[in-house]
């Protein structure tokens, strides 16, 4: 299910990922050739996250912010991590960060959740 969501047949996620290079071209004066990169997304089970990459289709050189970078064919630019949590895992993480977990709403299959978290009490400076 996660693989299909991040590798959709319409190519929406690939376009989203490639937009990073388009923005770098516009905003940082980079010279990425978008057609020379392939979208690659996979679930990294040990880290419980989807990783998105852009993989160079050939050996090439790109310039970003006035610096030149050499990329080998098959070399990847790691563009995004999308961490996936269990309900219990997110509640534990929230507690470690100082939040007090409240109610949780899930879909019937418990694939998605919305969490109410109470912020830590603020002390006056």
PDB file of N, CA and C in Angstrom:
ATOM      1  N   UNK A   1       0.824  -1.187   0.000  1.00  0.00           N
ATOM      2  CA  UNK A   1       0.000   0.000   0.000  1.00  0.00           C
ATOM      3  C   UNK A   1       0.876   1.261   0.000  1.00  0.00           C
ATOM      4  N   UNK A   2       1.898   1.292   0.859  1.00  0.00           N
ATOM      5  CA  UNK A   2       2.792   2.459   0.886  1.00  0.00           C
ATOM      6  C   UNK A   2       3.549   2.588  -0.431  1.00  0.00           C
ATOM      7  N   UNK A   3       4.013   1.457  -0.961  1.00  0.00           N
ATOM      8  CA  UNK A   3       4.738   1.501  -2.231  1.00  0.00           C
ATOM      9  C   UNK A   3       3.854   2.119  -3.317  1.00  0.00           C
ATOM     10  N   UNK A   4       2.611   1.683  -3.394  1.00  0.00           N
ATOM     11  CA  UNK A   4       1.702   2.210  -4.410  1.00  0.00           C
ATOM     12  C   UNK A   4       1.430   3.700  -4.206  1.00  0.00           C
ATOM     13  N   UNK A   5       1.346   4.128  -2.961  1.00  0.00           N
ATOM     14  CA  UNK A   5       1.072   5.541  -2.683  1.00  0.00           C
ATOM     15  C   UNK A   5       2.213   6.446  -3.125  1.00  0.00           C
ATOM     16  N   UNK A   6       3.432   5.982  -2.999  1.00  0.00           N
ATOM     17  CA  UNK A   6       4.592   6.816  -3.330  1.00  0.00           C
ATOM     18  C   UNK A   6       5.148   6.534  -4.729  1.00  0.00           C
ATOM     19  N   UNK A   7       4.543   5.586  -5.424  1.00  0.00           N
ATOM     20  CA  UNK A   7       4.930   5.254  -6.796  1.00  0.00           C
ATOM     21  C   UNK A   7       3.660   5.151  -7.649  1.00  0.00           C
ATOM     22  N   UNK A   8       2.798   6.156  -7.570  1.00  0.00           N
ATOM     23  CA  UNK A   8       1.500   6.128  -8.217  1.00  0.00           C
ATOM     24  C   UNK A   8       1.639   6.108  -9.742  1.00  0.00           C
ATOM     25  N   UNK A   9       0.712   5.419 -10.377  1.00  0.00           N
ATOM     26  CA  UNK A   9       0.743   5.250 -11.830  1.00  0.00           C
ATOM     27  C   UNK A   9       0.635   6.568 -12.578  1.00  0.00           C
ATOM     28  N   UNK A  10      -0.024   7.557 -11.994  1.00  0.00           N
ATOM     29  CA  UNK A  10      -0.166   8.863 -12.656  1.00  0.00           C
ATOM     30  C   UNK A  10       1.123   9.685 -12.583  1.00  0.00           C
ATOM     31  N   UNK A  11       2.063   9.279 -11.746  1.00  0.00           N
ATOM     32  CA  UNK A  11       3.330   9.991 -11.644  1.00  0.00           C
ATOM     33  C   UNK A  11       3.268  11.265 -10.826  1.00  0.00           C
ATOM     34  N   UNK A  12       2.226  11.433 -10.023  1.00  0.00           N
ATOM     35  CA  UNK A  12       2.068  12.658  -9.228  1.00  0.00           C
ATOM     36  C   UNK A  12       3.212  12.801  -8.223  1.00  0.00           C
ATOM     37  N   UNK A  13       3.532  11.714  -7.526  1.00  0.00           N
ATOM     38  CA  UNK A  13       4.604  11.788  -6.530  1.00  0.00           C
ATOM     39  C   UNK A  13       5.952  12.008  -7.204  1.00  0.00           C
ATOM     40  N   UNK A  14       6.165  11.398  -8.354  1.00  0.00           N
ATOM     41  CA  UNK A  14       7.412  11.621  -9.096  1.00  0.00           C
ATOM     42  C   UNK A  14       7.541  13.090  -9.484  1.00  0.00           C
ATOM     43  N   UNK A  15       6.453  13.698  -9.952  1.00  0.00           N
ATOM     44  CA  UNK A  15       6.482  15.115 -10.309  1.00  0.00           C
ATOM     45  C   UNK A  15       6.773  15.988  -9.085  1.00  0.00           C
ATOM     46  N   UNK A  16       6.156  15.624  -7.961  1.00  0.00           N
ATOM     47  CA  UNK A  16       6.407  16.335  -6.704  1.00  0.00           C
ATOM     48  C   UNK A  16       7.889  16.264  -6.346  1.00  0.00           C
ATOM     49  N   UNK A  17       8.471  15.075  -6.468  1.00  0.00           N
ATOM     50  CA  UNK A  17       9.874  14.873  -6.129  1.00  0.00           C
ATOM     51  C   UNK A  17      10.775  15.658  -7.090  1.00  0.00           C
ATOM     52  N   UNK A  18      10.503  15.568  -8.377  1.00  0.00           N
ATOM     53  CA  UNK A  18      11.316  16.284  -9.368  1.00  0.00           C
ATOM     54  C   UNK A  18      11.188  17.802  -9.240  1.00  0.00           C
ATOM     55  N   UNK A  19      10.089  18.260  -8.649  1.00  0.00           N
ATOM     56  CA  UNK A  19       9.910  19.691  -8.445  1.00  0.00           C
ATOM     57  C   UNK A  19      11.015  20.274  -7.563  1.00  0.00           C
ATOM     58  N   UNK A  20      11.618  19.442  -6.706  1.00  0.00           N
ATOM     59  CA  UNK A  20      12.749  19.925  -5.899  1.00  0.00           C
ATOM     60  C   UNK A  20      13.885  20.420  -6.794  1.00  0.00           C
ATOM     61  N   UNK A  21      14.151  19.667  -7.862  1.00  0.00           N
ATOM     62  CA  UNK A  21      15.224  20.075  -8.780  1.00  0.00           C
ATOM     63  C   UNK A  21      14.804  21.308  -9.582  1.00  0.00           C
ATOM     64  N   UNK A  22      13.538  21.362  -9.983  1.00  0.00           N
ATOM     65  CA  UNK A  22      13.047  22.538 -10.719  1.00  0.00           C
ATOM     66  C   UNK A  22      13.166  23.790  -9.859  1.00  0.00           C
ATOM     67  N   UNK A  23      12.827  23.673  -8.586  1.00  0.00           N
ATOM     68  CA  UNK A  23      12.957  24.820  -7.674  1.00  0.00           C
ATOM     69  C   UNK A  23      14.421  25.196  -7.483  1.00  0.00           C
ATOM     70  N   UNK A  24      15.297  24.200  -7.362  1.00  0.00           N
ATOM     71  CA  UNK A  24      16.733  24.497  -7.231  1.00  0.00           C
ATOM     72  C   UNK A  24      17.215  25.254  -8.465  1.00  0.00           C
ATOM     73  N   UNK A  25      16.732  24.855  -9.633  1.00  0.00           N
ATOM     74  CA  UNK A  25      17.104  25.571 -10.863  1.00  0.00           C
ATOM     75  C   UNK A  25      16.644  27.026 -10.800  1.00  0.00           C
ATOM     76  N   UNK A  26      15.391  27.245 -10.399  1.00  0.00           N
ATOM     77  CA  UNK A  26      14.838  28.609 -10.358  1.00  0.00           C
ATOM     78  C   UNK A  26      15.427  29.447  -9.240  1.00  0.00           C
ATOM     79  N   UNK A  27      15.530  28.861  -8.060  1.00  0.00           N
ATOM     80  CA  UNK A  27      15.834  29.654  -6.871  1.00  0.00           C
ATOM     81  C   UNK A  27      17.306  29.666  -6.482  1.00  0.00           C
ATOM     82  N   UNK A  28      18.061  28.674  -6.935  1.00  0.00           N
ATOM     83  CA  UNK A  28      19.471  28.592  -6.556  1.00  0.00           C
ATOM     84  C   UNK A  28      20.411  28.681  -7.752  1.00  0.00           C
ATOM     85  N   UNK A  29      19.849  28.905  -8.927  1.00  0.00           N
ATOM     86  CA  UNK A  29      20.682  28.992 -10.122  1.00  0.00           C
ATOM     87  C   UNK A  29      21.314  27.669 -10.492  1.00  0.00           C
ATOM     88  N   UNK A  30      20.682  26.566 -10.117  1.00  0.00           N
ATOM     89  CA  UNK A  30      21.205  25.234 -10.453  1.00  0.00           C
ATOM     90  C   UNK A  30      20.911  24.926 -11.919  1.00  0.00           C
ATOM     91  N   UNK A  31      21.508  23.851 -12.404  1.00  0.00           N
ATOM     92  CA  UNK A  31      21.293  23.481 -13.806  1.00  0.00           C
ATOM     93  C   UNK A  31      20.918  22.000 -13.940  1.00  0.00           C
ATOM     94  N   UNK A  32      20.049  21.530 -13.080  1.00  0.00           N
ATOM     95  CA  UNK A  32      19.593  20.146 -13.169  1.00  0.00           C
ATOM     96  C   UNK A  32      18.784  19.946 -14.446  1.00  0.00           C
ATOM     97  N   UNK A  33      19.052  18.870 -15.169  1.00  0.00           N
ATOM     98  CA  UNK A  33      18.230  18.441 -16.299  1.00  0.00           C
ATOM     99  C   UNK A  33      17.253  17.412 -15.734  1.00  0.00           C
ATOM    100  N   UNK A  34      16.013  17.816 -15.517  1.00  0.00           N
ATOM    101  CA  UNK A  34      15.046  16.970 -14.830  1.00  0.00           C
ATOM    102  C   UNK A  34      14.849  15.628 -15.512  1.00  0.00           C
ATOM    103  N   UNK A  35      14.953  15.589 -16.838  1.00  0.00           N
ATOM    104  CA  UNK A  35      14.759  14.324 -17.554  1.00  0.00           C
ATOM    105  C   UNK A  35      15.914  13.350 -17.346  1.00  0.00           C
ATOM    106  N   UNK A  36      16.966  13.786 -16.690  1.00  0.00           N
ATOM    107  CA  UNK A  36      18.110  12.905 -16.417  1.00  0.00           C
ATOM    108  C   UNK A  36      18.044  12.284 -15.020  1.00  0.00           C
ATOM    109  N   UNK A  37      16.872  12.395 -14.366  1.00  0.00           N
ATOM    110  CA  UNK A  37      16.684  11.821 -13.037  1.00  0.00           C
ATOM    111  C   UNK A  37      15.414  11.001 -13.005  1.00  0.00           C
ATOM    112  N   UNK A  38      15.464   9.895 -12.294  1.00  0.00           N
ATOM    113  CA  UNK A  38      14.306   9.013 -12.123  1.00  0.00           C
ATOM    114  C   UNK A  38      13.880   9.016 -10.659  1.00  0.00           C
ATOM    115  N   UNK A  39      12.587   9.096 -10.449  1.00  0.00           N
ATOM    116  CA  UNK A  39      12.003   9.022  -9.104  1.00  0.00           C
ATOM    117  C   UNK A  39      12.132   7.585  -8.593  1.00  0.00           C
ATOM    118  N   UNK A  40      12.536   7.450  -7.334  1.00  0.00           N
ATOM    119  CA  UNK A  40      12.658   6.132  -6.697  1.00  0.00           C
ATOM    120  C   UNK A  40      12.217   6.271  -5.253  1.00  0.00           C
ATOM    121  N   UNK A  41      11.184   5.535  -4.859  1.00  0.00           N
ATOM    122  CA  UNK A  41      10.685   5.567  -3.486  1.00  0.00           C
ATOM    123  C   UNK A  41      10.515   4.145  -2.987  1.00  0.00           C
ATOM    124  N   UNK A  42      10.875   3.923  -1.722  1.00  0.00           N
ATOM    125  CA  UNK A  42      10.746   2.588  -1.141  1.00  0.00           C
ATOM    126  C   UNK A  42      10.541   2.700   0.363  1.00  0.00           C
ATOM    127  N   UNK A  43      10.015   1.634   0.940  1.00  0.00           N
ATOM    128  CA  UNK A  43       9.816   1.588   2.380  1.00  0.00           C
ATOM    129  C   UNK A  43      11.055   0.988   3.017  1.00  0.00           C
ATOM    130  N   UNK A  44      11.684   1.731   3.916  1.00  0.00           N
ATOM    131  CA  UNK A  44      12.847   1.272   4.673  1.00  0.00           C
ATOM    132  C   UNK A  44      12.298   0.729   5.997  1.00  0.00           C
ATOM    133  N   UNK A  45      12.069  -0.578   6.048  1.00  0.00           N
ATOM    134  CA  UNK A  45      11.412  -1.198   7.208  1.00  0.00           C
ATOM    135  C   UNK A  45      12.163  -0.984   8.521  1.00  0.00           C
ATOM    136  N   UNK A  46      13.487  -1.173   8.573  1.00  0.00           N
ATOM    137  CA  UNK A  46      14.161  -0.972   9.867  1.00  0.00           C
ATOM    138  C   UNK A  46      13.994   0.442  10.422  1.00  0.00           C
ATOM    139  N   UNK A  47      13.869   1.434   9.537  1.00  0.00           N
ATOM    140  CA  UNK A  47      13.721   2.825   9.991  1.00  0.00           C
ATOM    141  C   UNK A  47      12.265   3.292   9.973  1.00  0.00           C
ATOM    142  N   UNK A  48      11.365   2.418   9.594  1.00  0.00           N
ATOM    143  CA  UNK A  48       9.927   2.703   9.549  1.00  0.00           C
ATOM    144  C   UNK A  48       9.627   3.986   8.787  1.00  0.00           C
ATOM    145  N   UNK A  49      10.164   4.077   7.570  1.00  0.00           N
ATOM    146  CA  UNK A  49       9.940   5.289   6.793  1.00  0.00           C
ATOM    147  C   UNK A  49       9.976   4.995   5.302  1.00  0.00           C
ATOM    148  N   UNK A  50       9.258   5.816   4.579  1.00  0.00           N
ATOM    149  CA  UNK A  50       9.397   5.860   3.127  1.00  0.00           C
ATOM    150  C   UNK A  50      10.572   6.775   2.841  1.00  0.00           C
ATOM    151  N   UNK A  51      11.443   6.356   1.946  1.00  0.00           N
ATOM    152  CA  UNK A  51      12.536   7.218   1.481  1.00  0.00           C
ATOM    153  C   UNK A  51      12.282   7.539   0.020  1.00  0.00           C
ATOM    154  N   UNK A  52      12.409   8.803  -0.317  1.00  0.00           N
ATOM    155  CA  UNK A  52      12.313   9.208  -1.713  1.00  0.00           C
ATOM    156  C   UNK A  52      13.688   9.664  -2.182  1.00  0.00           C
ATOM    157  N   UNK A  53      14.009   9.252  -3.394  1.00  0.00           N
ATOM    158  CA  UNK A  53      15.292   9.573  -4.007  1.00  0.00           C
ATOM    159  C   UNK A  53      15.057  10.004  -5.445  1.00  0.00           C
ATOM    160  N   UNK A  54      16.004  10.739  -5.984  1.00  0.00           N
ATOM    161  CA  UNK A  54      16.075  11.008  -7.412  1.00  0.00           C
ATOM    162  C   UNK A  54      17.388  10.398  -7.883  1.00  0.00           C
ATOM    163  N   UNK A  55      17.314   9.481  -8.829  1.00  0.00           N
ATOM    164  CA  UNK A  55      18.462   8.710  -9.270  1.00  0.00           C
ATOM    165  C   UNK A  55      18.946   9.233 -10.616  1.00  0.00           C
ATOM    166  N   UNK A  56      20.242   9.499 -10.689  1.00  0.00           N
ATOM    167  CA  UNK A  56      20.837   9.995 -11.924  1.00  0.00           C
ATOM    168  C   UNK A  56      20.801   8.896 -12.991  1.00  0.00           C
ATOM    169  N   UNK A  57      20.254   9.228 -14.161  1.00  0.00           N
ATOM    170  CA  UNK A  57      20.137   8.257 -15.256  1.00  0.00           C
ATOM    171  C   UNK A  57      21.463   8.067 -16.004  1.00  0.00           C
ATOM    172  N   UNK A  58      22.397   8.979 -15.788  1.00  0.00           N
ATOM    173  CA  UNK A  58      23.696   8.890 -16.464  1.00  0.00           C
ATOM    174  C   UNK A  58      24.728   9.676 -15.666  1.00  0.00           C
ATOM    175  N   UNK A  59      25.985   9.507 -16.004  1.00  0.00           N
ATOM    176  CA  UNK A  59      27.034  10.306 -15.372  1.00  0.00           C
ATOM    177  C   UNK A  59      26.841  11.750 -15.836  1.00  0.00           C
ATOM    178  N   UNK A  60      26.874  12.672 -14.879  1.00  0.00           N
ATOM    179  CA  UNK A  60      26.626  14.063 -15.230  1.00  0.00           C
ATOM    180  C   UNK A  60      27.235  14.983 -14.177  1.00  0.00           C
ATOM    181  N   UNK A  61      27.363  16.230 -14.550  1.00  0.00           N
ATOM    182  CA  UNK A  61      27.828  17.267 -13.627  1.00  0.00           C
ATOM    183  C   UNK A  61      26.715  18.301 -13.507  1.00  0.00           C
ATOM    184  N   UNK A  62      26.487  18.737 -12.283  1.00  0.00           N
ATOM    185  CA  UNK A  62      25.480  19.778 -12.036  1.00  0.00           C
ATOM    186  C   UNK A  62      26.125  20.867 -11.194  1.00  0.00           C
ATOM    187  N   UNK A  63      25.585  22.065 -11.326  1.00  0.00           N
ATOM    188  CA  UNK A  63      26.066  23.197 -10.550  1.00  0.00           C
ATOM    189  C   UNK A  63      24.916  23.702  -9.679  1.00  0.00           C
ATOM    190  N   UNK A  64      25.202  23.866  -8.402  1.00  0.00           N
ATOM    191  CA  UNK A  64      24.216  24.382  -7.447  1.00  0.00           C
ATOM    192  C   UNK A  64      24.919  25.434  -6.604  1.00  0.00           C
ATOM    193  N   UNK A  65      24.368  26.613  -6.579  1.00  0.00           N
ATOM    194  CA  UNK A  65      24.944  27.681  -5.774  1.00  0.00           C
ATOM    195  C   UNK A  65      26.395  27.959  -6.112  1.00  0.00           C
ATOM    196  N   UNK A  66      26.725  27.823  -7.397  1.00  0.00           N
ATOM    197  CA  UNK A  66      28.092  28.095  -7.836  1.00  0.00           C
ATOM    198  C   UNK A  66      29.068  26.947  -7.611  1.00  0.00           C
ATOM    199  N   UNK A  67      28.620  25.839  -7.018  1.00  0.00           N
ATOM    200  CA  UNK A  67      29.489  24.674  -6.796  1.00  0.00           C
ATOM    201  C   UNK A  67      29.131  23.572  -7.767  1.00  0.00           C
ATOM    202  N   UNK A  68      30.141  22.918  -8.273  1.00  0.00           N
ATOM    203  CA  UNK A  68      29.962  21.836  -9.249  1.00  0.00           C
ATOM    204  C   UNK A  68      29.985  20.496  -8.521  1.00  0.00           C
ATOM    205  N   UNK A  69      29.054  19.625  -8.903  1.00  0.00           N
ATOM    206  CA  UNK A  69      28.962  18.283  -8.330  1.00  0.00           C
ATOM    207  C   UNK A  69      28.930  17.257  -9.459  1.00  0.00           C
ATOM    208  N   UNK A  70      29.714  16.204  -9.309  1.00  0.00           N
ATOM    209  CA  UNK A  70      29.728  15.099 -10.269  1.00  0.00           C
ATOM    210  C   UNK A  70      28.831  13.992  -9.735  1.00  0.00           C
ATOM    211  N   UNK A  71      27.933  13.499 -10.579  1.00  0.00           N
ATOM    212  CA  UNK A  71      27.049  12.397 -10.208  1.00  0.00           C
ATOM    213  C   UNK A  71      27.297  11.226 -11.142  1.00  0.00           C
ATOM    214  N   UNK A  72      27.454  10.059 -10.568  1.00  0.00           N
ATOM    215  CA  UNK A  72      27.595   8.846 -11.369  1.00  0.00           C
ATOM    216  C   UNK A  72      26.232   8.340 -11.795  1.00  0.00           C
ATOM    217  N   UNK A  73      26.186   7.569 -12.853  1.00  0.00           N
ATOM    218  CA  UNK A  73      24.950   6.906 -13.232  1.00  0.00           C
ATOM    219  C   UNK A  73      24.505   6.008 -12.075  1.00  0.00           C
ATOM    220  N   UNK A  74      23.254   6.121 -11.696  1.00  0.00           N
ATOM    221  CA  UNK A  74      22.730   5.329 -10.586  1.00  0.00           C
ATOM    222  C   UNK A  74      22.892   5.979  -9.225  1.00  0.00           C
ATOM    223  N   UNK A  75      23.646   7.058  -9.145  1.00  0.00           N
ATOM    224  CA  UNK A  75      23.810   7.758  -7.866  1.00  0.00           C
ATOM    225  C   UNK A  75      22.505   8.471  -7.520  1.00  0.00           C
ATOM    226  N   UNK A  76      22.189   8.463  -6.233  1.00  0.00           N
ATOM    227  CA  UNK A  76      20.905   9.006  -5.833  1.00  0.00           C
ATOM    228  C   UNK A  76      21.044  10.245  -4.966  1.00  0.00           C
ATOM    229  N   UNK A  77      20.076  11.155  -5.138  1.00  0.00           N
ATOM    230  CA  UNK A  77      19.908  12.301  -4.253  1.00  0.00           C
ATOM    231  C   UNK A  77      18.754  11.938  -3.327  1.00  0.00           C
ATOM    232  N   UNK A  78      19.030  11.832  -2.052  1.00  0.00           N
ATOM    233  CA  UNK A  78      18.010  11.462  -1.059  1.00  0.00           C
ATOM    234  C   UNK A  78      17.205  12.724  -0.765  1.00  0.00           C
ATOM    235  N   UNK A  79      15.937  12.744  -1.174  1.00  0.00           N
ATOM    236  CA  UNK A  79      15.155  13.966  -1.130  1.00  0.00           C
ATOM    237  C   UNK A  79      14.145  14.043   0.006  1.00  0.00           C
ATOM    238  N   UNK A  80      13.711  12.919   0.549  1.00  0.00           N
ATOM    239  CA  UNK A  80      12.671  12.983   1.578  1.00  0.00           C
ATOM    240  C   UNK A  80      12.628  11.711   2.404  1.00  0.00           C
ATOM    241  N   UNK A  81      12.304  11.879   3.680  1.00  0.00           N
ATOM    242  CA  UNK A  81      11.928  10.778   4.561  1.00  0.00           C
ATOM    243  C   UNK A  81      10.521  11.057   5.039  1.00  0.00           C
ATOM    244  N   UNK A  82       9.679  10.054   4.999  1.00  0.00           N
ATOM    245  CA  UNK A  82       8.321  10.161   5.520  1.00  0.00           C
ATOM    246  C   UNK A  82       8.155   9.036   6.538  1.00  0.00           C
ATOM    247  N   UNK A  83       8.365   9.375   7.803  1.00  0.00           N
ATOM    248  CA  UNK A  83       8.355   8.388   8.868  1.00  0.00           C
ATOM    249  C   UNK A  83       6.931   7.931   9.160  1.00  0.00           C
ATOM    250  N   UNK A  84       6.789   6.637   9.403  1.00  0.00           N
ATOM    251  CA  UNK A  84       5.499   6.038   9.715  1.00  0.00           C
ATOM    252  C   UNK A  84       5.534   5.580  11.167  1.00  0.00           C
ATOM    253  N   UNK A  85       4.481   5.871  11.906  1.00  0.00           N
ATOM    254  CA  UNK A  85       4.423   5.554  13.328  1.00  0.00           C
ATOM    255  C   UNK A  85       3.236   4.665  13.627  1.00  0.00           C
ATOM    256  N   UNK A  86       3.380   3.828  14.634  1.00  0.00           N
ATOM    257  CA  UNK A  86       2.221   3.166  15.217  1.00  0.00           C
ATOM    258  C   UNK A  86       1.591   4.143  16.194  1.00  0.00           C
ATOM    259  N   UNK A  87       0.360   3.884  16.592  1.00  0.00           N
ATOM    260  CA  UNK A  87      -0.297   4.757  17.569  1.00  0.00           C
ATOM    261  C   UNK A  87       0.521   4.789  18.853  1.00  0.00           C
ATOM    262  N   UNK A  88       0.894   3.620  19.369  1.00  0.00           N
ATOM    263  CA  UNK A  88       1.668   3.570  20.613  1.00  0.00           C
ATOM    264  C   UNK A  88       3.032   4.238  20.451  1.00  0.00           C
ATOM    265  N   UNK A  89       3.661   4.040  19.295  1.00  0.00           N
ATOM    266  CA  UNK A  89       4.970   4.648  19.058  1.00  0.00           C
ATOM    267  C   UNK A  89       4.910   6.163  19.044  1.00  0.00           C
ATOM    268  N   UNK A  90       3.873   6.725  18.426  1.00  0.00           N
ATOM    269  CA  UNK A  90       3.756   8.182  18.391  1.00  0.00           C
ATOM    270  C   UNK A  90       3.432   8.737  19.770  1.00  0.00           C
ATOM    271  N   UNK A  91       2.577   8.045  20.518  1.00  0.00           N
ATOM    272  CA  UNK A  91       2.248   8.503  21.867  1.00  0.00           C
ATOM    273  C   UNK A  91       3.496   8.507  22.754  1.00  0.00           C
ATOM    274  N   UNK A  92       4.327   7.472  22.637  1.00  0.00           N
ATOM    275  CA  UNK A  92       5.564   7.409  23.425  1.00  0.00           C
ATOM    276  C   UNK A  92       6.516   8.529  23.022  1.00  0.00           C
ATOM    277  N   UNK A  93       6.641   8.776  21.734  1.00  0.00           N
ATOM    278  CA  UNK A  93       7.502   9.857  21.253  1.00  0.00           C
ATOM    279  C   UNK A  93       7.003  11.207  21.762  1.00  0.00           C
ATOM    280  N   UNK A  94       5.701  11.415  21.720  1.00  0.00           N
ATOM    281  CA  UNK A  94       5.126  12.671  22.208  1.00  0.00           C
ATOM    282  C   UNK A  94       5.425  12.861  23.691  1.00  0.00           C
ATOM    283  N   UNK A  95       5.282  11.803  24.470  1.00  0.00           N
ATOM    284  CA  UNK A  95       5.577  11.905  25.906  1.00  0.00           C
ATOM    285  C   UNK A  95       7.041  12.251  26.145  1.00  0.00           C
ATOM    286  N   UNK A  96       7.941  11.633  25.397  1.00  0.00           N
ATOM    287  CA  UNK A  96       9.372  11.940  25.557  1.00  0.00           C
ATOM    288  C   UNK A  96       9.671  13.394  25.209  1.00  0.00           C
ATOM    289  N   UNK A  97       8.850  13.972  24.330  1.00  0.00           N
ATOM    290  CA  UNK A  97       9.037  15.372  23.926  1.00  0.00           C
ATOM    291  C   UNK A  97       8.323  16.339  24.863  1.00  0.00           C
ATOM    292  N   UNK A  98       7.679  15.817  25.902  1.00  0.00           N
ATOM    293  CA  UNK A  98       7.033  16.675  26.878  1.00  0.00           C
ATOM    294  C   UNK A  98       5.545  16.881  26.682  1.00  0.00           C
ATOM    295  N   UNK A  99       4.955  16.243  25.690  1.00  0.00           N
ATOM    296  CA  UNK A  99       3.522  16.363  25.456  1.00  0.00           C
ATOM    297  C   UNK A  99       2.767  15.298  26.244  1.00  0.00           C
ATOM    298  N   UNK A 100       1.510  15.588  26.549  1.00  0.00           N
ATOM    299  CA  UNK A 100       0.655  14.611  27.204  1.00  0.00           C
ATOM    300  C   UNK A 100      -0.357  14.136  26.171  1.00  0.00           C
ATOM    301  N   UNK A 101      -0.288  12.853  25.792  1.00  0.00           N
ATOM    302  CA  UNK A 101      -1.224  12.350  24.785  1.00  0.00           C
ATOM    303  C   UNK A 101      -2.665  12.378  25.280  1.00  0.00           C
ATOM    304  N   UNK A 102      -3.553  12.744  24.371  1.00  0.00           N
ATOM    305  CA  UNK A 102      -4.985  12.733  24.640  1.00  0.00           C
ATOM    306  C   UNK A 102      -5.656  11.705  23.746  1.00  0.00           C
ATOM    307  N   UNK A 103      -6.876  11.987  23.298  1.00  0.00           N
ATOM    308  CA  UNK A 103      -7.601  11.045  22.452  1.00  0.00           C
ATOM    309  C   UNK A 103      -6.896  10.817  21.113  1.00  0.00           C
ATOM    310  N   UNK A 104      -7.169   9.667  20.526  1.00  0.00           N
ATOM    311  CA  UNK A 104      -6.642   9.305  19.212  1.00  0.00           C
ATOM    312  C   UNK A 104      -7.820   8.850  18.355  1.00  0.00           C
ATOM    313  N   UNK A 105      -7.874   9.341  17.126  1.00  0.00           N
ATOM    314  CA  UNK A 105      -8.899   8.917  16.181  1.00  0.00           C
ATOM    315  C   UNK A 105      -8.205   8.159  15.058  1.00  0.00           C
ATOM    316  N   UNK A 106      -8.742   6.998  14.695  1.00  0.00           N
ATOM    317  CA  UNK A 106      -8.163   6.191  13.617  1.00  0.00           C
ATOM    318  C   UNK A 106      -9.252   5.778  12.632  1.00  0.00           C
ATOM    319  N   UNK A 107      -8.805   5.364  11.466  1.00  0.00           N
ATOM    320  CA  UNK A 107      -9.717   4.740  10.515  1.00  0.00           C
ATOM    321  C   UNK A 107      -9.972   3.302  11.009  1.00  0.00           C
ATOM    322  N   UNK A 108     -10.959   2.612  10.459  1.00  0.00           N
ATOM    323  CA  UNK A 108     -11.278   1.265  10.956  1.00  0.00           C
ATOM    324  C   UNK A 108     -10.116   0.274  10.909  1.00  0.00           C
ATOM    325  N   UNK A 109      -9.207   0.428   9.960  1.00  0.00           N
ATOM    326  CA  UNK A 109      -8.068  -0.492   9.854  1.00  0.00           C
ATOM    327  C   UNK A 109      -6.844  -0.029  10.651  1.00  0.00           C
ATOM    328  N   UNK A 110      -6.948   1.118  11.292  1.00  0.00           N
ATOM    329  CA  UNK A 110      -5.851   1.707  12.068  1.00  0.00           C
ATOM    330  C   UNK A 110      -4.605   1.970  11.207  1.00  0.00           C
ATOM    331  N   UNK A 111      -4.848   2.348   9.956  1.00  0.00           N
ATOM    332  CA  UNK A 111      -3.740   2.703   9.065  1.00  0.00           C
ATOM    333  C   UNK A 111      -3.363   4.172   9.201  1.00  0.00           C
ATOM    334  N   UNK A 112      -4.336   4.999   9.595  1.00  0.00           N
ATOM    335  CA  UNK A 112      -4.128   6.432   9.741  1.00  0.00           C
ATOM    336  C   UNK A 112      -4.659   6.861  11.096  1.00  0.00           C
ATOM    337  N   UNK A 113      -4.030   7.884  11.654  1.00  0.00           N
ATOM    338  CA  UNK A 113      -4.502   8.363  12.958  1.00  0.00           C
ATOM    339  C   UNK A 113      -4.296   9.863  13.081  1.00  0.00           C
ATOM    340  N   UNK A 114      -5.143  10.440  13.922  1.00  0.00           N
ATOM    341  CA  UNK A 114      -5.035  11.844  14.315  1.00  0.00           C
ATOM    342  C   UNK A 114      -4.926  11.839  15.828  1.00  0.00           C
ATOM    343  N   UNK A 115      -3.938  12.572  16.351  1.00  0.00           N
ATOM    344  CA  UNK A 115      -3.647  12.559  17.788  1.00  0.00           C
ATOM    345  C   UNK A 115      -3.873  13.937  18.395  1.00  0.00           C
ATOM    346  N   UNK A 116      -4.520  13.948  19.532  1.00  0.00           N
ATOM    347  CA  UNK A 116      -4.660  15.168  20.329  1.00  0.00           C
ATOM    348  C   UNK A 116      -3.525  15.142  21.340  1.00  0.00           C
ATOM    349  N   UNK A 117      -2.678  16.154  21.308  1.00  0.00           N
ATOM    350  CA  UNK A 117      -1.547  16.237  22.230  1.00  0.00           C
ATOM    351  C   UNK A 117      -1.645  17.523  23.025  1.00  0.00           C
ATOM    352  N   UNK A 118      -1.536  17.407  24.336  1.00  0.00           N
ATOM    353  CA  UNK A 118      -1.539  18.572  25.208  1.00  0.00           C
ATOM    354  C   UNK A 118      -0.112  19.086  25.327  1.00  0.00           C
ATOM    355  N   UNK A 119       0.066  20.357  25.046  1.00  0.00           N
ATOM    356  CA  UNK A 119       1.395  20.967  25.096  1.00  0.00           C
ATOM    357  C   UNK A 119       1.883  21.041  26.554  1.00  0.00           C
ATOM    358  N   UNK A 120       3.199  20.994  26.732  1.00  0.00           N
ATOM    359  CA  UNK A 120       3.746  21.148  28.091  1.00  0.00           C
ATOM    360  C   UNK A 120       3.370  22.519  28.659  1.00  0.00           C
ATOM    361  N   UNK A 121       3.232  22.558  29.963  1.00  0.00           N
ATOM    362  CA  UNK A 121       2.953  23.841  30.621  1.00  0.00           C
ATOM    363  C   UNK A 121       4.146  24.759  30.426  1.00  0.00           C
ATOM    364  N   UNK A 122       3.860  26.009  30.115  1.00  0.00           N
ATOM    365  CA  UNK A 122       4.930  26.998  29.943  1.00  0.00           C
ATOM    366  C   UNK A 122       5.135  27.720  31.255  1.00  0.00           C
ATOM    367  N   UNK A 123       6.380  27.923  31.577  1.00  0.00           N
ATOM    368  CA  UNK A 123       6.698  28.699  32.784  1.00  0.00           C
ATOM    369  C   UNK A 123       7.072  30.108  32.344  1.00  0.00           C
ATOM    370  N   UNK A 124       6.713  31.063  33.170  1.00  0.00           N
ATOM    371  CA  UNK A 124       7.023  32.454  32.869  1.00  0.00           C
ATOM    372  C   UNK A 124       8.521  32.670  32.928  1.00  0.00           C
ATOM    373  N   UNK A 125       9.033  33.502  32.008  1.00  0.00           N
ATOM    374  CA  UNK A 125      10.499  33.753  31.986  1.00  0.00           C
ATOM    375  C   UNK A 125      10.968  34.526  33.198  1.00  0.00           C
TER     376      UNK A 125
END
